[in-house]
Amino acid sequence: MQYSDGIEDLVAGRIKNVRSLGHILFIDINAEGRLVQGVFREDLLGKDKYTESQHLKEGDVIRVCGVKVPSKKRSDSIDVASYTILSKNLTDQRRRQILNPEYLKIRSDILFYTRDYLRDKGFIEVETPVVYRGTSSSRSKEFTTKHNHLEGELSLRKSMDLFMRRLSIQDFDKIYSIGQNFRNEPITKDKLPEFTMLTVLTNYIAMEEGIELSGDLIRSVIKGLGNNSANLTKSYDLAT
């Protein structure tokens, strides 16, 4: 196919989305923050390369060469004349979701607004041991390991509760911790052996005040994320 006024373009990046429409393949490529749509057609690529392109998937890294063409929905669209696979995506779908930039951005914002709220309320952030000797307050099964120079068995923490209680009796009245915990339990869609937990501990307040603090924290985080559709004034039933 001949181009009279097209501009040649060379783009390399990671595939974000693949859509098939008959004998045309549309592939969105994240090229250093610039989203480019690659249009793969058999009449341009040839039968063999077009057949190969149908095996491209989200997460693969490719380099495409072609000509810029007008697009109604995309600011950058390229009729692909040739392409090279730079790297295949070998991770599973769940891992790709975890590594999704949007997911990581939201997670980072949640942690930021959580820390911001608790700091404004006078709490200080603390860290607790990840590897320890002894038992935890949780009934779940723990991961165990051994140290080359210490006798006996060591465990990965299942919660931060016991360590924080030790701090609370040393006049640390308002503390919190955000960290990874580990539980040797069956893996389900809602439960993983490693997970992030927020633990907040404060002395000299009633249960009702703790409930109010939790609700206020959640409302503050939602507001910080810019979710204006949530009803932040509604009173919800307590689940026990």
Protein backbone atom coordinates (compact mmCIF):
# COMPACT_ATOMS: atom_id res chain seq x y z
CA MET A 1 0.00 0.00 0.00
CA GLN A 2 1.40 3.41 -0.96
CA TYR A 3 1.25 6.47 1.27
CA SER A 4 1.37 9.88 -0.36
CA ASP A 5 1.38 12.16 2.66
CA GLY A 6 1.85 9.82 5.63
CA ILE A 7 4.55 10.36 8.24
CA GLU A 8 6.67 7.37 9.14
CA ASP A 9 6.82 6.55 12.83
CA LEU A 10 8.76 4.09 15.00
CA VAL A 11 7.27 3.22 18.38
CA ALA A 12 8.32 0.79 21.11
CA GLY A 13 6.39 -0.03 24.26
CA ARG A 14 4.26 -2.45 26.24
CA ILE A 15 0.91 -3.69 24.93
CA LYS A 16 -2.02 -2.46 27.03
CA ASN A 17 -4.96 -3.85 25.06
CA VAL A 18 -5.66 -6.07 22.03
CA ARG A 19 -8.88 -5.89 19.97
CA SER A 20 -9.73 -7.96 16.90
CA LEU A 21 -12.16 -6.80 14.21
CA GLY A 22 -12.35 -9.27 11.37
CA HIS A 23 -9.06 -9.13 9.47
CA ILE A 24 -7.82 -6.07 11.39
CA LEU A 25 -6.09 -6.09 14.77
CA PHE A 26 -6.02 -2.99 16.98
CA ILE A 27 -3.29 -2.97 19.61
CA ASP A 28 -2.82 -0.17 22.17
CA ILE A 29 0.84 0.41 23.03
CA ASN A 30 2.09 2.37 26.04
CA ALA A 31 5.19 4.10 24.67
CA GLU A 32 6.75 6.04 27.58
CA GLY A 33 3.39 7.37 28.73
CA ARG A 34 2.12 8.01 25.19
CA LEU A 35 -0.75 5.70 24.20
CA VAL A 36 -0.42 4.69 20.56
CA GLN A 37 -2.87 2.54 18.60
CA GLY A 38 -1.21 0.11 16.20
CA VAL A 39 -3.40 -1.07 13.31
CA PHE A 40 -2.29 -4.53 12.12
CA ARG A 41 -3.59 -5.58 8.68
CA GLU A 42 -2.81 -8.61 6.58
CA ASP A 43 -2.46 -6.59 3.35
CA LEU A 44 0.37 -4.57 4.95
CA LEU A 45 2.11 -7.20 7.05
CA GLY A 46 1.68 -10.25 4.87
CA LYS A 47 -0.10 -13.44 5.85
CA ASP A 48 2.64 -14.96 8.04
CA LYS A 49 3.39 -11.84 10.11
CA TYR A 50 -0.30 -11.04 10.49
CA THR A 51 -1.00 -14.59 11.71
CA GLU A 52 1.87 -14.22 14.18
CA SER A 53 0.48 -10.88 15.40
CA GLN A 54 -2.74 -12.60 16.48
CA HIS A 55 -0.74 -14.27 19.27
CA LEU A 56 0.36 -10.93 20.75
CA LYS A 57 -1.13 -10.30 24.18
CA GLU A 58 -1.34 -7.71 26.93
CA GLY A 59 2.04 -7.19 28.59
CA ASP A 60 4.19 -8.07 25.57
CA VAL A 61 6.78 -5.47 24.57
CA ILE A 62 6.97 -4.71 20.85
CA ARG A 63 8.47 -2.22 18.39
CA VAL A 64 6.34 -1.17 15.42
CA CYS A 65 7.15 0.79 12.30
CA GLY A 66 4.52 2.32 10.08
CA VAL A 67 2.70 5.45 9.02
CA LYS A 68 0.60 7.78 11.14
CA VAL A 69 -3.06 7.81 10.14
CA PRO A 70 -6.06 9.84 11.33
CA SER A 71 -8.12 8.33 14.14
CA LYS A 72 -11.41 9.45 15.68
CA LYS A 73 -10.65 8.13 19.17
CA ARG A 74 -6.84 8.08 19.35
CA SER A 75 -4.49 11.02 19.07
CA ASP A 76 -1.81 8.67 17.72
CA SER A 77 -2.61 5.80 15.37
CA ILE A 78 -0.19 3.89 13.14
CA ASP A 79 -0.75 1.59 10.18
CA VAL A 80 1.84 -1.04 11.06
CA ALA A 81 4.10 -2.09 8.19
CA SER A 82 6.48 -4.16 10.34
CA TYR A 83 6.96 -5.07 13.97
CA THR A 84 9.42 -6.82 16.27
CA ILE A 85 8.66 -8.65 19.51
CA LEU A 86 11.15 -7.35 22.09
CA SER A 87 9.88 -9.27 25.11
CA LYS A 88 7.05 -11.71 25.83
CA ASN A 89 4.92 -11.34 28.91
CA LEU A 90 5.45 -14.43 31.05
CA THR A 91 3.47 -13.32 34.10
CA ASP A 92 -0.03 -14.54 34.87
CA GLN A 93 -3.17 -12.40 34.73
CA ARG A 94 -3.35 -11.86 38.49
CA ARG A 95 0.21 -10.57 38.62
CA ARG A 96 -0.50 -8.22 35.69
CA GLN A 97 -3.45 -6.78 37.60
CA ILE A 98 -1.28 -6.23 40.68
CA LEU A 99 1.35 -4.48 38.55
CA ASN A 100 -1.25 -2.34 36.77
CA PRO A 101 -0.12 1.33 37.05
CA GLU A 102 -3.68 2.47 37.90
CA TYR A 103 -3.90 -0.09 40.70
CA LEU A 104 -0.53 0.93 42.10
CA LYS A 105 -1.47 4.63 41.92
CA ILE A 106 -4.73 4.07 43.83
CA ARG A 107 -2.96 1.90 46.41
CA SER A 108 -0.29 4.57 46.89
CA ASP A 109 -2.95 7.27 47.32
CA ILE A 110 -4.87 5.17 49.88
CA LEU A 111 -1.72 4.75 51.97
CA PHE A 112 -0.92 8.46 51.64
CA TYR A 113 -4.37 9.65 52.81
CA THR A 114 -4.43 7.04 55.58
CA ARG A 115 -1.12 8.25 56.97
CA ASP A 116 -2.15 11.88 56.49
CA TYR A 117 -5.36 11.40 58.49
CA LEU A 118 -3.73 9.51 61.36
CA ARG A 119 -0.86 11.99 61.59
CA ASP A 120 -3.35 14.87 61.86
CA LYS A 121 -5.06 12.98 64.70
CA GLY A 122 -1.79 12.78 66.63
CA PHE A 123 -0.83 9.18 65.85
CA ILE A 124 2.76 8.15 65.21
CA GLU A 125 3.75 5.36 62.82
CA VAL A 126 5.80 2.48 64.22
CA GLU A 127 7.40 -0.64 62.79
CA THR A 128 7.27 -4.07 64.40
CA PRO A 129 9.42 -7.19 63.85
CA VAL A 130 8.63 -9.30 60.80
CA VAL A 131 10.64 -12.33 61.97
CA TYR A 132 10.24 -13.27 65.62
CA ARG A 133 10.52 -16.09 68.13
CA GLY A 134 7.38 -17.17 69.95
CA THR A 135 3.67 -17.29 69.22
CA SER A 136 1.22 -14.78 67.82
CA SER A 137 -2.25 -13.84 69.03
CA SER A 138 -3.77 -15.04 65.75
CA ARG A 139 -5.08 -18.62 65.53
CA SER A 140 -4.07 -19.01 61.89
CA LYS A 141 -1.09 -21.16 60.94
CA GLU A 142 2.24 -19.39 60.58
CA PHE A 143 5.22 -19.65 58.25
CA THR A 144 8.33 -20.89 60.03
CA THR A 145 12.03 -20.63 59.24
CA LYS A 146 15.44 -21.07 60.86
CA HIS A 147 18.36 -18.71 61.35
CA ASN A 148 21.88 -19.99 60.71
CA HIS A 149 23.23 -18.58 63.99
CA LEU A 150 20.21 -18.80 66.28
CA GLU A 151 18.88 -21.98 67.82
CA GLY A 152 15.23 -22.85 67.54
CA GLU A 153 12.46 -22.00 65.13
CA LEU A 154 11.50 -18.51 63.97
CA SER A 155 8.18 -17.35 62.53
CA LEU A 156 6.95 -14.71 60.12
CA ARG A 157 4.46 -12.43 61.83
CA LYS A 158 0.75 -13.03 61.32
CA SER A 159 -0.26 -9.68 62.81
CA MET A 160 1.31 -6.65 64.46
CA ASP A 161 -1.04 -6.62 67.43
CA LEU A 162 1.14 -8.11 70.19
CA PHE A 163 4.17 -5.98 69.38
CA MET A 164 2.08 -2.82 69.36
CA ARG A 165 0.51 -3.68 72.72
CA ARG A 166 3.99 -3.84 74.19
CA LEU A 167 4.54 -0.29 72.96
CA SER A 168 1.18 0.88 74.29
CA ILE A 169 2.14 0.03 77.89
CA GLN A 170 5.31 2.10 77.45
CA ASP A 171 3.29 5.35 77.19
CA PHE A 172 2.80 5.20 73.40
CA ASP A 173 -0.88 6.08 73.53
CA LYS A 174 -1.64 6.68 69.84
CA ILE A 175 0.25 4.50 67.37
CA TYR A 176 -0.37 2.75 64.07
CA SER A 177 1.52 0.46 61.71
CA ILE A 178 1.13 -0.47 58.04
CA GLY A 179 2.99 -3.57 56.95
CA GLN A 180 3.07 -7.03 55.44
CA ASN A 181 1.74 -10.02 57.36
CA PHE A 182 1.95 -13.71 56.48
CA ARG A 183 -0.49 -16.55 57.14
CA ASN A 184 0.00 -20.14 56.04
CA GLU A 185 -3.58 -20.73 54.93
CA PRO A 186 -5.37 -21.91 51.76
CA ILE A 187 -5.22 -19.38 48.90
CA THR A 188 -8.55 -18.05 47.63
CA LYS A 189 -9.62 -15.08 45.51
CA ASP A 190 -10.05 -13.09 48.75
CA LYS A 191 -7.11 -14.45 50.73
CA LEU A 192 -3.39 -14.54 49.98
CA PRO A 193 -0.54 -15.81 52.19
CA GLU A 194 1.03 -12.32 52.16
CA PHE A 195 -1.07 -9.20 52.62
CA THR A 196 -0.90 -5.59 53.80
CA MET A 197 -2.56 -4.70 57.11
CA LEU A 198 -3.28 -1.47 58.94
CA THR A 199 -3.32 -1.71 62.74
CA VAL A 200 -4.32 1.29 64.86
CA LEU A 201 -3.95 1.28 68.64
CA THR A 202 -5.02 4.04 71.01
CA ASN A 203 -5.48 4.07 74.77
CA TYR A 204 -8.20 5.59 76.92
CA ILE A 205 -11.10 5.63 74.46
CA ALA A 206 -14.42 3.79 74.48
CA MET A 207 -15.46 1.25 71.85
CA GLU A 208 -17.90 3.73 70.32
CA GLU A 209 -15.09 6.26 69.86
CA GLY A 210 -12.99 3.61 68.12
CA ILE A 211 -15.86 2.85 65.74
CA GLU A 212 -16.26 6.55 65.02
CA LEU A 213 -12.51 6.88 64.37
CA SER A 214 -12.59 3.98 61.89
CA GLY A 215 -15.54 5.44 59.99
CA ASP A 216 -13.99 8.90 59.91
CA LEU A 217 -10.75 7.44 58.56
CA ILE A 218 -12.56 5.63 55.73
CA ARG A 219 -14.54 8.76 54.83
CA SER A 220 -11.36 10.84 54.81
CA VAL A 221 -9.58 8.41 52.46
CA ILE A 222 -12.57 8.25 50.08
CA LYS A 223 -12.75 12.04 50.03
CA GLY A 224 -9.02 12.27 49.34
CA LEU A 225 -9.38 9.89 46.38
CA GLY A 226 -11.93 12.26 44.88
CA ASN A 227 -14.86 9.84 44.94
CA ASN A 228 -17.77 12.28 45.00
CA SER A 229 -20.38 9.60 44.33
CA ALA A 230 -20.04 8.01 47.79
CA ASN A 231 -22.52 9.08 50.46
CA LEU A 232 -20.12 10.09 53.23
CA THR A 233 -22.85 11.34 55.58
CA LYS A 234 -25.02 8.22 55.58
CA SER A 235 -25.18 6.20 58.80
CA TYR A 236 -24.45 2.50 58.18
CA ASP A 237 -25.40 -0.50 60.29
CA LEU A 238 -22.56 -2.03 62.30
CA ALA A 239 -21.44 -5.56 61.41
CA THR A 240 -20.21 -7.62 64.35
